[in-house]
Amino acid sequence: MQRYLTALAAATLLTGQALACEAPDIGSIDIPSGASASEAEMVAAQQAVADMVEAIEAYAACVDGLSRTDQRDHIRDRDEAVDAAHRLATRMNREIRNFNRAVQLASR
């Protein structure tokens, strides 16, 4: 009975660890058009992107900390999340450049 409970506890811990690695929802980020957005909208979007990148980095670290067996179940999701973080940051940077251009043109 003791062995059974120990095995059950170990399985629960391993399952909990695997379930703890949850990819963030990148689709929830809305990046406004820099050409027409307000400064407040751009600052809010920039913070949301920074928070999302941090969440993706935490997810990737979580997956990297799993056993090889559990990693196989998450490795594709981790790679896709990291790629999505790069695309998200690239989009945000493009819209920041557009915003800065719009501000410069408006001040002339």
PDB file of N, CA and C in Angstrom:
ATOM      1  N   MET A   1       0.829  -1.191   0.000  1.00  0.00           N
ATOM      2  CA  MET A   1       0.000   0.000   0.000  1.00  0.00           C
ATOM      3  C   MET A   1       0.874   1.256   0.000  1.00  0.00           C
ATOM      4  N   GLN A   2       1.940   1.255   0.789  1.00  0.00           N
ATOM      5  CA  GLN A   2       2.832   2.412   0.862  1.00  0.00           C
ATOM      6  C   GLN A   2       3.469   2.686  -0.496  1.00  0.00           C
ATOM      7  N   ARG A   3       3.884   1.611  -1.203  1.00  0.00           N
ATOM      8  CA  ARG A   3       4.478   1.780  -2.534  1.00  0.00           C
ATOM      9  C   ARG A   3       3.464   2.396  -3.501  1.00  0.00           C
ATOM     10  N   TYR A   4       2.243   1.927  -3.413  1.00  0.00           N
ATOM     11  CA  TYR A   4       1.191   2.440  -4.282  1.00  0.00           C
ATOM     12  C   TYR A   4       0.982   3.933  -4.054  1.00  0.00           C
ATOM     13  N   LEU A   5       0.909   4.347  -2.801  1.00  0.00           N
ATOM     14  CA  LEU A   5       0.713   5.766  -2.489  1.00  0.00           C
ATOM     15  C   LEU A   5       1.910   6.603  -2.936  1.00  0.00           C
ATOM     16  N   THR A   6       3.113   6.062  -2.759  1.00  0.00           N
ATOM     17  CA  THR A   6       4.311   6.775  -3.199  1.00  0.00           C
ATOM     18  C   THR A   6       4.304   6.932  -4.709  1.00  0.00           C
ATOM     19  N   ALA A   7       3.957   5.870  -5.425  1.00  0.00           N
ATOM     20  CA  ALA A   7       3.895   5.924  -6.890  1.00  0.00           C
ATOM     21  C   ALA A   7       2.802   6.893  -7.349  1.00  0.00           C
ATOM     22  N   LEU A   8       1.669   6.863  -6.665  1.00  0.00           N
ATOM     23  CA  LEU A   8       0.578   7.770  -7.005  1.00  0.00           C
ATOM     24  C   LEU A   8       0.986   9.223  -6.777  1.00  0.00           C
ATOM     25  N   ALA A   9       1.664   9.497  -5.679  1.00  0.00           N
ATOM     26  CA  ALA A   9       2.131  10.853  -5.393  1.00  0.00           C
ATOM     27  C   ALA A   9       3.144  11.309  -6.428  1.00  0.00           C
ATOM     28  N   ALA A  10       4.063  10.431  -6.807  1.00  0.00           N
ATOM     29  CA  ALA A  10       5.067  10.776  -7.821  1.00  0.00           C
ATOM     30  C   ALA A  10       4.392  11.048  -9.163  1.00  0.00           C
ATOM     31  N   ALA A  11       3.440  10.226  -9.540  1.00  0.00           N
ATOM     32  CA  ALA A  11       2.726  10.426 -10.805  1.00  0.00           C
ATOM     33  C   ALA A  11       1.955  11.739 -10.791  1.00  0.00           C
ATOM     34  N   THR A  12       1.357  12.056  -9.659  1.00  0.00           N
ATOM     35  CA  THR A  12       0.613  13.313  -9.537  1.00  0.00           C
ATOM     36  C   THR A  12       1.548  14.501  -9.688  1.00  0.00           C
ATOM     37  N   LEU A  13       2.708  14.433  -9.064  1.00  0.00           N
ATOM     38  CA  LEU A  13       3.673  15.523  -9.177  1.00  0.00           C
ATOM     39  C   LEU A  13       4.142  15.690 -10.611  1.00  0.00           C
ATOM     40  N   LEU A  14       4.458  14.592 -11.286  1.00  0.00           N
ATOM     41  CA  LEU A  14       4.928  14.673 -12.664  1.00  0.00           C
ATOM     42  C   LEU A  14       3.836  15.197 -13.584  1.00  0.00           C
ATOM     43  N   THR A  15       2.625  14.725 -13.386  1.00  0.00           N
ATOM     44  CA  THR A  15       1.518  15.200 -14.196  1.00  0.00           C
ATOM     45  C   THR A  15       1.262  16.675 -13.940  1.00  0.00           C
ATOM     46  N   GLY A  16       1.320  17.080 -12.687  1.00  0.00           N
ATOM     47  CA  GLY A  16       1.141  18.486 -12.348  1.00  0.00           C
ATOM     48  C   GLY A  16       2.202  19.351 -12.976  1.00  0.00           C
ATOM     49  N   GLN A  17       3.448  18.843 -13.010  1.00  0.00           N
ATOM     50  CA  GLN A  17       4.527  19.616 -13.623  1.00  0.00           C
ATOM     51  C   GLN A  17       4.271  19.762 -15.116  1.00  0.00           C
ATOM     52  N   ALA A  18       3.854  18.702 -15.768  1.00  0.00           N
ATOM     53  CA  ALA A  18       3.598  18.779 -17.204  1.00  0.00           C
ATOM     54  C   ALA A  18       2.434  19.725 -17.495  1.00  0.00           C
ATOM     55  N   LEU A  19       1.408  19.693 -16.652  1.00  0.00           N
ATOM     56  CA  LEU A  19       0.257  20.561 -16.865  1.00  0.00           C
ATOM     57  C   LEU A  19       0.572  22.016 -16.543  1.00  0.00           C
ATOM     58  N   ALA A  20       1.583  22.244 -15.707  1.00  0.00           N
ATOM     59  CA  ALA A  20       1.932  23.604 -15.322  1.00  0.00           C
ATOM     60  C   ALA A  20       2.517  24.389 -16.490  1.00  0.00           C
ATOM     61  N   CYS A  21       3.050  23.697 -17.485  1.00  0.00           N
ATOM     62  CA  CYS A  21       3.624  24.359 -18.654  1.00  0.00           C
ATOM     63  C   CYS A  21       2.497  24.628 -19.650  1.00  0.00           C
ATOM     64  N   GLU A  22       1.951  25.819 -19.572  1.00  0.00           N
ATOM     65  CA  GLU A  22       0.840  26.181 -20.438  1.00  0.00           C
ATOM     66  C   GLU A  22       1.239  27.360 -21.309  1.00  0.00           C
ATOM     67  N   ALA A  23       1.131  27.194 -22.611  1.00  0.00           N
ATOM     68  CA  ALA A  23       1.494  28.262 -23.542  1.00  0.00           C
ATOM     69  C   ALA A  23       0.524  29.427 -23.394  1.00  0.00           C
ATOM     70  N   PRO A  24       1.039  30.651 -23.346  1.00  0.00           N
ATOM     71  CA  PRO A  24       0.154  31.820 -23.255  1.00  0.00           C
ATOM     72  C   PRO A  24      -0.591  32.042 -24.568  1.00  0.00           C
ATOM     73  N   ASP A  25      -1.719  32.720 -24.491  1.00  0.00           N
ATOM     74  CA  ASP A  25      -2.553  33.008 -25.664  1.00  0.00           C
ATOM     75  C   ASP A  25      -2.047  34.269 -26.358  1.00  0.00           C
ATOM     76  N   ILE A  26      -1.270  34.078 -27.398  1.00  0.00           N
ATOM     77  CA  ILE A  26      -0.670  35.208 -28.110  1.00  0.00           C
ATOM     78  C   ILE A  26      -1.730  35.992 -28.875  1.00  0.00           C
ATOM     79  N   GLY A  27      -2.798  35.331 -29.249  1.00  0.00           N
ATOM     80  CA  GLY A  27      -3.869  35.997 -29.987  1.00  0.00           C
ATOM     81  C   GLY A  27      -4.569  37.072 -29.185  1.00  0.00           C
ATOM     82  N   SER A  28      -4.322  37.126 -27.884  1.00  0.00           N
ATOM     83  CA  SER A  28      -4.987  38.123 -27.042  1.00  0.00           C
ATOM     84  C   SER A  28      -4.326  39.498 -27.120  1.00  0.00           C
ATOM     85  N   ILE A  29      -3.206  39.603 -27.798  1.00  0.00           N
ATOM     86  CA  ILE A  29      -2.488  40.876 -27.910  1.00  0.00           C
ATOM     87  C   ILE A  29      -2.995  41.641 -29.124  1.00  0.00           C
ATOM     88  N   ASP A  30      -3.380  42.888 -28.897  1.00  0.00           N
ATOM     89  CA  ASP A  30      -3.840  43.753 -29.978  1.00  0.00           C
ATOM     90  C   ASP A  30      -2.815  44.873 -30.145  1.00  0.00           C
ATOM     91  N   ILE A  31      -2.159  44.887 -31.284  1.00  0.00           N
ATOM     92  CA  ILE A  31      -1.177  45.930 -31.562  1.00  0.00           C
ATOM     93  C   ILE A  31      -1.841  46.945 -32.483  1.00  0.00           C
ATOM     94  N   PRO A  32      -1.984  48.180 -32.014  1.00  0.00           N
ATOM     95  CA  PRO A  32      -2.649  49.193 -32.838  1.00  0.00           C
ATOM     96  C   PRO A  32      -1.746  49.671 -33.976  1.00  0.00           C
ATOM     97  N   SER A  33      -2.363  50.279 -34.961  1.00  0.00           N
ATOM     98  CA  SER A  33      -1.602  50.875 -36.055  1.00  0.00           C
ATOM     99  C   SER A  33      -0.864  52.090 -35.517  1.00  0.00           C
ATOM    100  N   GLY A  34       0.442  52.094 -35.674  1.00  0.00           N
ATOM    101  CA  GLY A  34       1.241  53.204 -35.181  1.00  0.00           C
ATOM    102  C   GLY A  34       0.927  54.510 -35.886  1.00  0.00           C
ATOM    103  N   ALA A  35       0.431  54.425 -37.106  1.00  0.00           N
ATOM    104  CA  ALA A  35       0.131  55.630 -37.879  1.00  0.00           C
ATOM    105  C   ALA A  35      -1.056  56.397 -37.308  1.00  0.00           C
ATOM    106  N   SER A  36      -1.941  55.708 -36.571  1.00  0.00           N
ATOM    107  CA  SER A  36      -3.137  56.389 -36.082  1.00  0.00           C
ATOM    108  C   SER A  36      -3.373  56.245 -34.575  1.00  0.00           C
ATOM    109  N   ALA A  37      -2.552  55.494 -33.894  1.00  0.00           N
ATOM    110  CA  ALA A  37      -2.758  55.247 -32.462  1.00  0.00           C
ATOM    111  C   ALA A  37      -2.319  56.432 -31.619  1.00  0.00           C
ATOM    112  N   SER A  38      -2.926  56.532 -30.443  1.00  0.00           N
ATOM    113  CA  SER A  38      -2.500  57.554 -29.485  1.00  0.00           C
ATOM    114  C   SER A  38      -1.262  57.045 -28.749  1.00  0.00           C
ATOM    115  N   GLU A  39      -0.595  57.950 -28.069  1.00  0.00           N
ATOM    116  CA  GLU A  39       0.586  57.554 -27.305  1.00  0.00           C
ATOM    117  C   GLU A  39       0.197  56.560 -26.208  1.00  0.00           C
ATOM    118  N   ALA A  40      -0.933  56.787 -25.566  1.00  0.00           N
ATOM    119  CA  ALA A  40      -1.388  55.879 -24.501  1.00  0.00           C
ATOM    120  C   ALA A  40      -1.646  54.471 -25.054  1.00  0.00           C
ATOM    121  N   GLU A  41      -2.231  54.399 -26.234  1.00  0.00           N
ATOM    122  CA  GLU A  41      -2.485  53.088 -26.857  1.00  0.00           C
ATOM    123  C   GLU A  41      -1.170  52.373 -27.168  1.00  0.00           C
ATOM    124  N   MET A  42      -0.193  53.121 -27.649  1.00  0.00           N
ATOM    125  CA  MET A  42       1.106  52.525 -27.985  1.00  0.00           C
ATOM    126  C   MET A  42       1.834  52.054 -26.734  1.00  0.00           C
ATOM    127  N   VAL A  43       1.778  52.843 -25.672  1.00  0.00           N
ATOM    128  CA  VAL A  43       2.429  52.452 -24.417  1.00  0.00           C
ATOM    129  C   VAL A  43       1.760  51.196 -23.855  1.00  0.00           C
ATOM    130  N   ALA A  44       0.437  51.153 -23.888  1.00  0.00           N
ATOM    131  CA  ALA A  44      -0.287  49.986 -23.380  1.00  0.00           C
ATOM    132  C   ALA A  44       0.048  48.738 -24.205  1.00  0.00           C
ATOM    133  N   ALA A  45       0.096  48.889 -25.526  1.00  0.00           N
ATOM    134  CA  ALA A  45       0.429  47.754 -26.390  1.00  0.00           C
ATOM    135  C   ALA A  45       1.861  47.290 -26.150  1.00  0.00           C
ATOM    136  N   GLN A  46       2.766  48.244 -25.986  1.00  0.00           N
ATOM    137  CA  GLN A  46       4.160  47.896 -25.742  1.00  0.00           C
ATOM    138  C   GLN A  46       4.295  47.114 -24.427  1.00  0.00           C
ATOM    139  N   GLN A  47       3.565  47.522 -23.415  1.00  0.00           N
ATOM    140  CA  GLN A  47       3.604  46.803 -22.133  1.00  0.00           C
ATOM    141  C   GLN A  47       2.990  45.420 -22.273  1.00  0.00           C
ATOM    142  N   ALA A  48       1.892  45.315 -23.025  1.00  0.00           N
ATOM    143  CA  ALA A  48       1.246  44.014 -23.233  1.00  0.00           C
ATOM    144  C   ALA A  48       2.182  43.061 -23.971  1.00  0.00           C
ATOM    145  N   VAL A  49       2.890  43.572 -24.964  1.00  0.00           N
ATOM    146  CA  VAL A  49       3.842  42.741 -25.710  1.00  0.00           C
ATOM    147  C   VAL A  49       4.988  42.314 -24.794  1.00  0.00           C
ATOM    148  N   ALA A  50       5.514  43.232 -24.000  1.00  0.00           N
ATOM    149  CA  ALA A  50       6.606  42.889 -23.079  1.00  0.00           C
ATOM    150  C   ALA A  50       6.149  41.816 -22.089  1.00  0.00           C
ATOM    151  N   ASP A  51       4.929  41.947 -21.574  1.00  0.00           N
ATOM    152  CA  ASP A  51       4.390  40.948 -20.649  1.00  0.00           C
ATOM    153  C   ASP A  51       4.236  39.592 -21.337  1.00  0.00           C
ATOM    154  N   MET A  52       3.772  39.613 -22.602  1.00  0.00           N
ATOM    155  CA  MET A  52       3.580  38.373 -23.339  1.00  0.00           C
ATOM    156  C   MET A  52       4.922  37.700 -23.628  1.00  0.00           C
ATOM    157  N   VAL A  53       5.913  38.472 -24.016  1.00  0.00           N
ATOM    158  CA  VAL A  53       7.238  37.905 -24.270  1.00  0.00           C
ATOM    159  C   VAL A  53       7.783  37.265 -22.992  1.00  0.00           C
ATOM    160  N   GLU A  54       7.588  37.930 -21.868  1.00  0.00           N
ATOM    161  CA  GLU A  54       8.019  37.380 -20.579  1.00  0.00           C
ATOM    162  C   GLU A  54       7.281  36.074 -20.277  1.00  0.00           C
ATOM    163  N   ALA A  55       5.991  36.027 -20.554  1.00  0.00           N
ATOM    164  CA  ALA A  55       5.207  34.806 -20.311  1.00  0.00           C
ATOM    165  C   ALA A  55       5.677  33.672 -21.223  1.00  0.00           C
ATOM    166  N   ILE A  56       6.014  33.992 -22.456  1.00  0.00           N
ATOM    167  CA  ILE A  56       6.502  32.969 -23.385  1.00  0.00           C
ATOM    168  C   ILE A  56       7.865  32.458 -22.944  1.00  0.00           C
ATOM    169  N   GLU A  57       8.721  33.360 -22.476  1.00  0.00           N
ATOM    170  CA  GLU A  57      10.028  32.929 -21.972  1.00  0.00           C
ATOM    171  C   GLU A  57       9.870  32.013 -20.765  1.00  0.00           C
ATOM    172  N   ALA A  58       8.913  32.316 -19.903  1.00  0.00           N
ATOM    173  CA  ALA A  58       8.649  31.474 -18.731  1.00  0.00           C
ATOM    174  C   ALA A  58       8.117  30.107 -19.177  1.00  0.00           C
ATOM    175  N   TYR A  59       7.255  30.098 -20.179  1.00  0.00           N
ATOM    176  CA  TYR A  59       6.722  28.846 -20.717  1.00  0.00           C
ATOM    177  C   TYR A  59       7.851  28.002 -21.302  1.00  0.00           C
ATOM    178  N   ALA A  60       8.729  28.631 -22.084  1.00  0.00           N
ATOM    179  CA  ALA A  60       9.847  27.902 -22.689  1.00  0.00           C
ATOM    180  C   ALA A  60      10.755  27.321 -21.605  1.00  0.00           C
ATOM    181  N   ALA A  61      11.013  28.093 -20.560  1.00  0.00           N
ATOM    182  CA  ALA A  61      11.844  27.601 -19.458  1.00  0.00           C
ATOM    183  C   ALA A  61      11.166  26.440 -18.743  1.00  0.00           C
ATOM    184  N   CYS A  62       9.861  26.512 -18.591  1.00  0.00           N
ATOM    185  CA  CYS A  62       9.100  25.434 -17.959  1.00  0.00           C
ATOM    186  C   CYS A  62       9.235  24.155 -18.778  1.00  0.00           C
ATOM    187  N   VAL A  63       9.048  24.266 -20.085  1.00  0.00           N
ATOM    188  CA  VAL A  63       9.154  23.095 -20.960  1.00  0.00           C
ATOM    189  C   VAL A  63      10.577  22.535 -20.912  1.00  0.00           C
ATOM    190  N   ASP A  64      11.561  23.410 -20.932  1.00  0.00           N
ATOM    191  CA  ASP A  64      12.950  22.961 -20.880  1.00  0.00           C
ATOM    192  C   ASP A  64      13.254  22.223 -19.580  1.00  0.00           C
ATOM    193  N   GLY A  65      12.508  22.510 -18.524  1.00  0.00           N
ATOM    194  CA  GLY A  65      12.723  21.858 -17.243  1.00  0.00           C
ATOM    195  C   GLY A  65      12.032  20.518 -17.090  1.00  0.00           C
ATOM    196  N   LEU A  66      11.228  20.148 -18.070  1.00  0.00           N
ATOM    197  CA  LEU A  66      10.522  18.864 -18.007  1.00  0.00           C
ATOM    198  C   LEU A  66      11.458  17.713 -18.345  1.00  0.00           C
ATOM    199  N   SER A  67      11.023  16.517 -18.009  1.00  0.00           N
ATOM    200  CA  SER A  67      11.778  15.326 -18.396  1.00  0.00           C
ATOM    201  C   SER A  67      11.746  15.190 -19.915  1.00  0.00           C
ATOM    202  N   ARG A  68      12.662  14.438 -20.463  1.00  0.00           N
ATOM    203  CA  ARG A  68      12.727  14.253 -21.927  1.00  0.00           C
ATOM    204  C   ARG A  68      11.397  13.733 -22.470  1.00  0.00           C
ATOM    205  N   THR A  69      10.785  12.822 -21.751  1.00  0.00           N
ATOM    206  CA  THR A  69       9.514  12.252 -22.196  1.00  0.00           C
ATOM    207  C   THR A  69       8.437  13.326 -22.269  1.00  0.00           C
ATOM    208  N   ASP A  70       8.323  14.145 -21.221  1.00  0.00           N
ATOM    209  CA  ASP A  70       7.312  15.194 -21.206  1.00  0.00           C
ATOM    210  C   ASP A  70       7.647  16.313 -22.190  1.00  0.00           C
ATOM    211  N   GLN A  71       8.934  16.561 -22.403  1.00  0.00           N
ATOM    212  CA  GLN A  71       9.334  17.600 -23.358  1.00  0.00           C
ATOM    213  C   GLN A  71       8.824  17.287 -24.753  1.00  0.00           C
ATOM    214  N   ARG A  72       8.845  16.014 -25.129  1.00  0.00           N
ATOM    215  CA  ARG A  72       8.400  15.638 -26.478  1.00  0.00           C
ATOM    216  C   ARG A  72       6.975  16.095 -26.742  1.00  0.00           C
ATOM    217  N   ASP A  73       6.156  16.100 -25.703  1.00  0.00           N
ATOM    218  CA  ASP A  73       4.771  16.519 -25.855  1.00  0.00           C
ATOM    219  C   ASP A  73       4.633  18.026 -26.022  1.00  0.00           C
ATOM    220  N   HIS A  74       5.636  18.782 -25.590  1.00  0.00           N
ATOM    221  CA  HIS A  74       5.531  20.246 -25.565  1.00  0.00           C
ATOM    222  C   HIS A  74       6.524  20.965 -26.464  1.00  0.00           C
ATOM    223  N   ILE A  75       7.493  20.250 -27.009  1.00  0.00           N
ATOM    224  CA  ILE A  75       8.595  20.921 -27.698  1.00  0.00           C
ATOM    225  C   ILE A  75       8.115  21.721 -28.911  1.00  0.00           C
ATOM    226  N   ARG A  76       7.186  21.175 -29.681  1.00  0.00           N
ATOM    227  CA  ARG A  76       6.676  21.897 -30.860  1.00  0.00           C
ATOM    228  C   ARG A  76       5.935  23.161 -30.417  1.00  0.00           C
ATOM    229  N   ASP A  77       5.108  23.041 -29.372  1.00  0.00           N
ATOM    230  CA  ASP A  77       4.385  24.206 -28.850  1.00  0.00           C
ATOM    231  C   ASP A  77       5.352  25.271 -28.355  1.00  0.00           C
ATOM    232  N   ARG A  78       6.435  24.820 -27.683  1.00  0.00           N
ATOM    233  CA  ARG A  78       7.430  25.775 -27.184  1.00  0.00           C
ATOM    234  C   ARG A  78       8.091  26.512 -28.342  1.00  0.00           C
ATOM    235  N   ASP A  79       8.494  25.770 -29.368  1.00  0.00           N
ATOM    236  CA  ASP A  79       9.146  26.395 -30.517  1.00  0.00           C
ATOM    237  C   ASP A  79       8.208  27.370 -31.230  1.00  0.00           C
ATOM    238  N   GLU A  80       6.943  26.975 -31.368  1.00  0.00           N
ATOM    239  CA  GLU A  80       5.961  27.861 -32.006  1.00  0.00           C
ATOM    240  C   GLU A  80       5.732  29.114 -31.166  1.00  0.00           C
ATOM    241  N   ALA A  81       5.703  28.967 -29.848  1.00  0.00           N
ATOM    242  CA  ALA A  81       5.507  30.121 -28.969  1.00  0.00           C
ATOM    243  C   ALA A  81       6.685  31.080 -29.054  1.00  0.00           C
ATOM    244  N   VAL A  82       7.900  30.543 -29.098  1.00  0.00           N
ATOM    245  CA  VAL A  82       9.088  31.397 -29.209  1.00  0.00           C
ATOM    246  C   VAL A  82       9.083  32.125 -30.559  1.00  0.00           C
ATOM    247  N   ASP A  83       8.750  31.412 -31.624  1.00  0.00           N
ATOM    248  CA  ASP A  83       8.657  32.054 -32.947  1.00  0.00           C
ATOM    249  C   ASP A  83       7.582  33.141 -32.943  1.00  0.00           C
ATOM    250  N   ALA A  84       6.461  32.862 -32.310  1.00  0.00           N
ATOM    251  CA  ALA A  84       5.379  33.845 -32.228  1.00  0.00           C
ATOM    252  C   ALA A  84       5.817  35.077 -31.439  1.00  0.00           C
ATOM    253  N   ALA A  85       6.612  34.876 -30.392  1.00  0.00           N
ATOM    254  CA  ALA A  85       7.126  36.004 -29.606  1.00  0.00           C
ATOM    255  C   ALA A  85       8.005  36.890 -30.475  1.00  0.00           C
ATOM    256  N   HIS A  86       8.824  36.284 -31.311  1.00  0.00           N
ATOM    257  CA  HIS A  86       9.672  37.063 -32.217  1.00  0.00           C
ATOM    258  C   HIS A  86       8.827  37.854 -33.213  1.00  0.00           C
ATOM    259  N   ARG A  87       7.816  37.196 -33.765  1.00  0.00           N
ATOM    260  CA  ARG A  87       6.934  37.899 -34.718  1.00  0.00           C
ATOM    261  C   ARG A  87       6.189  39.034 -34.038  1.00  0.00           C
ATOM    262  N   LEU A  88       5.727  38.796 -32.824  1.00  0.00           N
ATOM    263  CA  LEU A  88       4.997  39.810 -32.066  1.00  0.00           C
ATOM    264  C   LEU A  88       5.888  41.018 -31.792  1.00  0.00           C
ATOM    265  N   ALA A  89       7.113  40.767 -31.348  1.00  0.00           N
ATOM    266  CA  ALA A  89       8.046  41.859 -31.066  1.00  0.00           C
ATOM    267  C   ALA A  89       8.394  42.619 -32.354  1.00  0.00           C
ATOM    268  N   THR A  90       8.545  41.913 -33.448  1.00  0.00           N
ATOM    269  CA  THR A  90       8.837  42.557 -34.735  1.00  0.00           C
ATOM    270  C   THR A  90       7.685  43.459 -35.162  1.00  0.00           C
ATOM    271  N   ARG A  91       6.440  42.959 -35.020  1.00  0.00           N
ATOM    272  CA  ARG A  91       5.262  43.776 -35.354  1.00  0.00           C
ATOM    273  C   ARG A  91       5.187  45.016 -34.482  1.00  0.00           C
ATOM    274  N   MET A  92       5.433  44.839 -33.184  1.00  0.00           N
ATOM    275  CA  MET A  92       5.371  45.975 -32.264  1.00  0.00           C
ATOM    276  C   MET A  92       6.420  47.014 -32.631  1.00  0.00           C
ATOM    277  N   ASN A  93       7.628  46.571 -32.926  1.00  0.00           N
ATOM    278  CA  ASN A  93       8.694  47.503 -33.300  1.00  0.00           C
ATOM    279  C   ASN A  93       8.354  48.253 -34.588  1.00  0.00           C
ATOM    280  N   ARG A  94       7.743  47.559 -35.543  1.00  0.00           N
ATOM    281  CA  ARG A  94       7.328  48.213 -36.793  1.00  0.00           C
ATOM    282  C   ARG A  94       6.294  49.299 -36.506  1.00  0.00           C
ATOM    283  N   GLU A  95       5.325  49.003 -35.638  1.00  0.00           N
ATOM    284  CA  GLU A  95       4.284  49.986 -35.332  1.00  0.00           C
ATOM    285  C   GLU A  95       4.845  51.147 -34.495  1.00  0.00           C
ATOM    286  N   ILE A  96       5.840  50.888 -33.678  1.00  0.00           N
ATOM    287  CA  ILE A  96       6.493  51.986 -32.949  1.00  0.00           C
ATOM    288  C   ILE A  96       7.188  52.919 -33.940  1.00  0.00           C
ATOM    289  N   ARG A  97       7.867  52.342 -34.934  1.00  0.00           N
ATOM    290  CA  ARG A  97       8.496  53.182 -35.967  1.00  0.00           C
ATOM    291  C   ARG A  97       7.438  53.993 -36.715  1.00  0.00           C
ATOM    292  N   ASN A  98       6.311  53.356 -37.053  1.00  0.00           N
ATOM    293  CA  ASN A  98       5.220  54.075 -37.731  1.00  0.00           C
ATOM    294  C   ASN A  98       4.677  55.199 -36.854  1.00  0.00           C
ATOM    295  N   PHE A  99       4.536  54.927 -35.568  1.00  0.00           N
ATOM    296  CA  PHE A  99       4.054  55.937 -34.629  1.00  0.00           C
ATOM    297  C   PHE A  99       5.021  57.120 -34.570  1.00  0.00           C
ATOM    298  N   ASN A 100       6.307  56.818 -34.450  1.00  0.00           N
ATOM    299  CA  ASN A 100       7.306  57.879 -34.390  1.00  0.00           C
ATOM    300  C   ASN A 100       7.316  58.727 -35.669  1.00  0.00           C
ATOM    301  N   ARG A 101       7.157  58.073 -36.805  1.00  0.00           N
ATOM    302  CA  ARG A 101       7.077  58.815 -38.081  1.00  0.00           C
ATOM    303  C   ARG A 101       5.848  59.720 -38.095  1.00  0.00           C
ATOM    304  N   ALA A 102       4.714  59.188 -37.637  1.00  0.00           N
ATOM    305  CA  ALA A 102       3.473  59.969 -37.626  1.00  0.00           C
ATOM    306  C   ALA A 102       3.607  61.188 -36.709  1.00  0.00           C
ATOM    307  N   VAL A 103       4.253  61.003 -35.569  1.00  0.00           N
ATOM    308  CA  VAL A 103       4.453  62.105 -34.622  1.00  0.00           C
ATOM    309  C   VAL A 103       5.365  63.160 -35.261  1.00  0.00           C
ATOM    310  N   GLN A 104       6.419  62.724 -35.933  1.00  0.00           N
ATOM    311  CA  GLN A 104       7.330  63.670 -36.604  1.00  0.00           C
ATOM    312  C   GLN A 104       6.614  64.458 -37.688  1.00  0.00           C
ATOM    313  N   LEU A 105       5.805  63.766 -38.482  1.00  0.00           N
ATOM    314  CA  LEU A 105       5.076  64.463 -39.556  1.00  0.00           C
ATOM    315  C   LEU A 105       4.058  65.432 -38.998  1.00  0.00           C
ATOM    316  N   ALA A 106       3.419  65.066 -37.892  1.00  0.00           N
ATOM    317  CA  ALA A 106       2.421  65.948 -37.291  1.00  0.00           C
ATOM    318  C   ALA A 106       3.046  67.192 -36.670  1.00  0.00           C
ATOM    319  N   SER A 107       4.310  67.098 -36.281  1.00  0.00           N
ATOM    320  CA  SER A 107       4.955  68.234 -35.629  1.00  0.00           C
ATOM    321  C   SER A 107       5.577  69.218 -36.634  1.00  0.00           C
ATOM    322  N   ARG A 108       5.519  68.905 -37.880  1.00  0.00           N
ATOM    323  CA  ARG A 108       6.108  69.804 -38.896  1.00  0.00           C
ATOM    324  C   ARG A 108       5.160  70.898 -39.287  1.00  0.00           C
TER     325      ARG A 108
END
